[in-house]
Amino acid sequence: MLVMQPLQRSAVPLSSAEWTTLLSGAALWALALYIPLSAPLARLEAELSSTSLSENNQTTILVMSSLLLSAGVGVVLQLLMSWALGPGWGASLGLMAVLSGAFWSLASRADGDGSGSSKR
C-alpha cells in the first residue's frame, strides 16, 4: 500500500540560487515595466508642480516614486510568474519583455523616421 509522505521544507525557504533568479527576474520585470508604469505618475507630477518644493526635490520625488512603483510591480509579477511557471521561466519571460519593448521602441523610431517604409 502506498503511503503519502508530507513534503518537508528546509528551514531556509529559498536557496541562494533561487534568490538570485528571483531578484534578477524582478529587476528585468521592473525594467520592462518602468516606462508604462511611469505614465500614470503624470498626475503626481501635476500635483508636485503646484507645491512650493524646489525643482530638484520634485524631480527626486518623481524618480523615486517611479522606481519604487516599477520595482514593486516587478517583484509581484516575478513572484506570480515563478509560482505559475517556475523561477527560471519567470525570469526568462522578464528578459523577453525587456527585449520586446526595446524591439518595438526601435521599430517605432525607424517607422517615424520614414526609413522603415519603401514608398516610391
Protein backbone atom coordinates (compact mmCIF):
# COMPACT_ATOMS: atom_id res chain seq x y z
CA MET A 1 0.00 0.00 0.00
CA LEU A 2 1.28 3.46 -0.91
CA VAL A 3 1.67 5.91 1.92
CA MET A 4 1.83 9.62 1.16
CA GLN A 5 4.71 11.30 2.91
CA PRO A 6 4.34 15.01 3.71
CA LEU A 7 6.62 17.41 1.91
CA GLN A 8 9.50 18.51 4.05
CA ARG A 9 10.73 22.03 3.54
CA SER A 10 14.13 23.20 4.62
CA ALA A 11 14.48 25.84 7.30
CA VAL A 12 15.52 28.39 4.68
CA PRO A 13 12.67 28.90 2.21
CA LEU A 14 14.87 29.75 -0.79
CA SER A 15 18.43 28.84 -1.62
CA SER A 16 20.87 31.47 -2.82
CA ALA A 17 20.42 30.35 -6.44
CA GLU A 18 16.65 30.77 -6.14
CA TRP A 19 17.09 34.24 -4.61
CA THR A 20 19.39 35.20 -7.48
CA THR A 21 16.82 34.06 -10.03
CA LEU A 22 14.02 35.79 -8.15
CA LEU A 23 15.85 39.11 -7.84
CA SER A 24 17.19 39.13 -11.40
CA GLY A 25 13.74 38.30 -12.75
CA ALA A 26 12.17 41.05 -10.62
CA ALA A 27 14.75 43.52 -11.93
CA LEU A 28 14.00 42.51 -15.52
CA TRP A 29 10.27 42.93 -14.99
CA ALA A 30 10.84 46.30 -13.33
CA LEU A 31 12.93 47.40 -16.30
CA ALA A 32 10.32 46.18 -18.75
CA LEU A 33 7.51 47.98 -16.90
CA TYR A 34 9.35 51.19 -15.99
CA ILE A 35 8.08 53.34 -18.87
CA PRO A 36 4.47 52.04 -18.92
CA LEU A 37 4.17 52.49 -15.17
CA SER A 38 5.69 55.97 -15.28
CA ALA A 39 2.84 57.31 -17.40
CA PRO A 40 0.25 57.28 -14.55
CA LEU A 41 2.63 59.37 -12.47
CA ALA A 42 1.73 62.43 -14.55
CA ARG A 43 -0.96 63.26 -12.01
CA LEU A 44 1.65 63.22 -9.24
CA GLU A 45 3.83 65.49 -11.36
CA ALA A 46 0.96 67.93 -11.80
CA GLU A 47 0.33 67.95 -8.05
CA LEU A 48 4.00 68.46 -7.29
CA SER A 49 4.24 71.40 -9.66
CA SER A 50 1.60 73.22 -7.61
CA THR A 51 3.62 72.83 -4.39
CA SER A 52 6.41 75.03 -3.12
CA LEU A 53 9.06 72.33 -3.49
CA SER A 54 12.18 73.10 -5.47
CA GLU A 55 12.64 71.62 -8.95
CA ASN A 56 15.34 69.23 -7.68
CA ASN A 57 13.10 67.90 -4.91
CA GLN A 58 10.20 67.43 -7.33
CA THR A 59 12.42 65.53 -9.74
CA THR A 60 13.80 63.36 -6.93
CA ILE A 61 10.31 62.52 -5.69
CA LEU A 62 9.12 61.66 -9.21
CA VAL A 63 12.11 59.44 -9.99
CA MET A 64 11.99 57.62 -6.64
CA SER A 65 8.24 57.02 -6.84
CA SER A 66 8.58 55.72 -10.40
CA LEU A 67 11.42 53.39 -9.42
CA LEU A 68 9.59 52.12 -6.33
CA LEU A 69 6.40 51.53 -8.31
CA SER A 70 8.14 49.59 -11.07
CA ALA A 71 10.27 47.61 -8.58
CA GLY A 72 7.21 46.70 -6.51
CA VAL A 73 5.22 45.60 -9.55
CA GLY A 74 8.31 43.76 -10.86
CA VAL A 75 8.67 41.77 -7.64
CA VAL A 76 4.98 40.90 -7.54
CA LEU A 77 4.95 39.90 -11.21
CA GLN A 78 8.10 37.79 -10.81
CA LEU A 79 6.60 36.03 -7.79
CA LEU A 80 3.42 35.29 -9.73
CA MET A 81 5.34 34.04 -12.76
CA SER A 82 7.65 31.97 -10.55
CA TRP A 83 4.67 30.43 -8.82
CA ALA A 84 2.91 29.65 -12.09
CA LEU A 85 5.84 28.63 -14.28
CA GLY A 86 8.91 28.23 -12.08
CA PRO A 87 11.59 30.78 -11.18
CA GLY A 88 13.70 30.29 -14.30
CA TRP A 89 10.76 30.71 -16.67
CA GLY A 90 9.52 33.80 -14.86
CA ALA A 91 12.93 35.47 -15.21
CA SER A 92 13.14 34.39 -18.86
CA LEU A 93 9.78 35.98 -19.59
CA GLY A 94 11.05 39.17 -17.93
CA LEU A 95 14.01 39.16 -20.28
CA MET A 96 11.69 38.61 -23.24
CA ALA A 97 9.55 41.54 -22.10
CA VAL A 98 12.62 43.81 -21.96
CA LEU A 99 13.82 42.69 -25.38
CA SER A 100 10.40 43.03 -27.00
CA GLY A 101 10.00 46.50 -25.53
CA ALA A 102 13.38 47.51 -26.96
CA PHE A 103 12.47 45.97 -30.31
CA TRP A 104 9.15 47.82 -30.54
CA SER A 105 10.80 51.05 -29.47
CA LEU A 106 13.42 50.75 -32.20
CA ALA A 107 10.80 49.72 -34.75
CA SER A 108 8.60 52.72 -33.98
CA ARG A 109 11.61 55.03 -34.21
CA ALA A 110 12.56 53.62 -37.60
CA ASP A 111 8.97 53.89 -38.79
CA GLY A 112 8.76 57.50 -37.60
CA ASP A 113 11.93 58.43 -39.50
CA GLY A 114 10.50 57.12 -42.74
CA SER A 115 13.41 54.74 -43.18
CA GLY A 116 11.23 51.72 -42.47
CA SER A 117 8.98 52.19 -45.47
CA SER A 118 9.68 51.61 -49.15
CA LYS A 119 7.42 54.24 -50.69
CA ARG A 120 8.23 55.37 -54.21
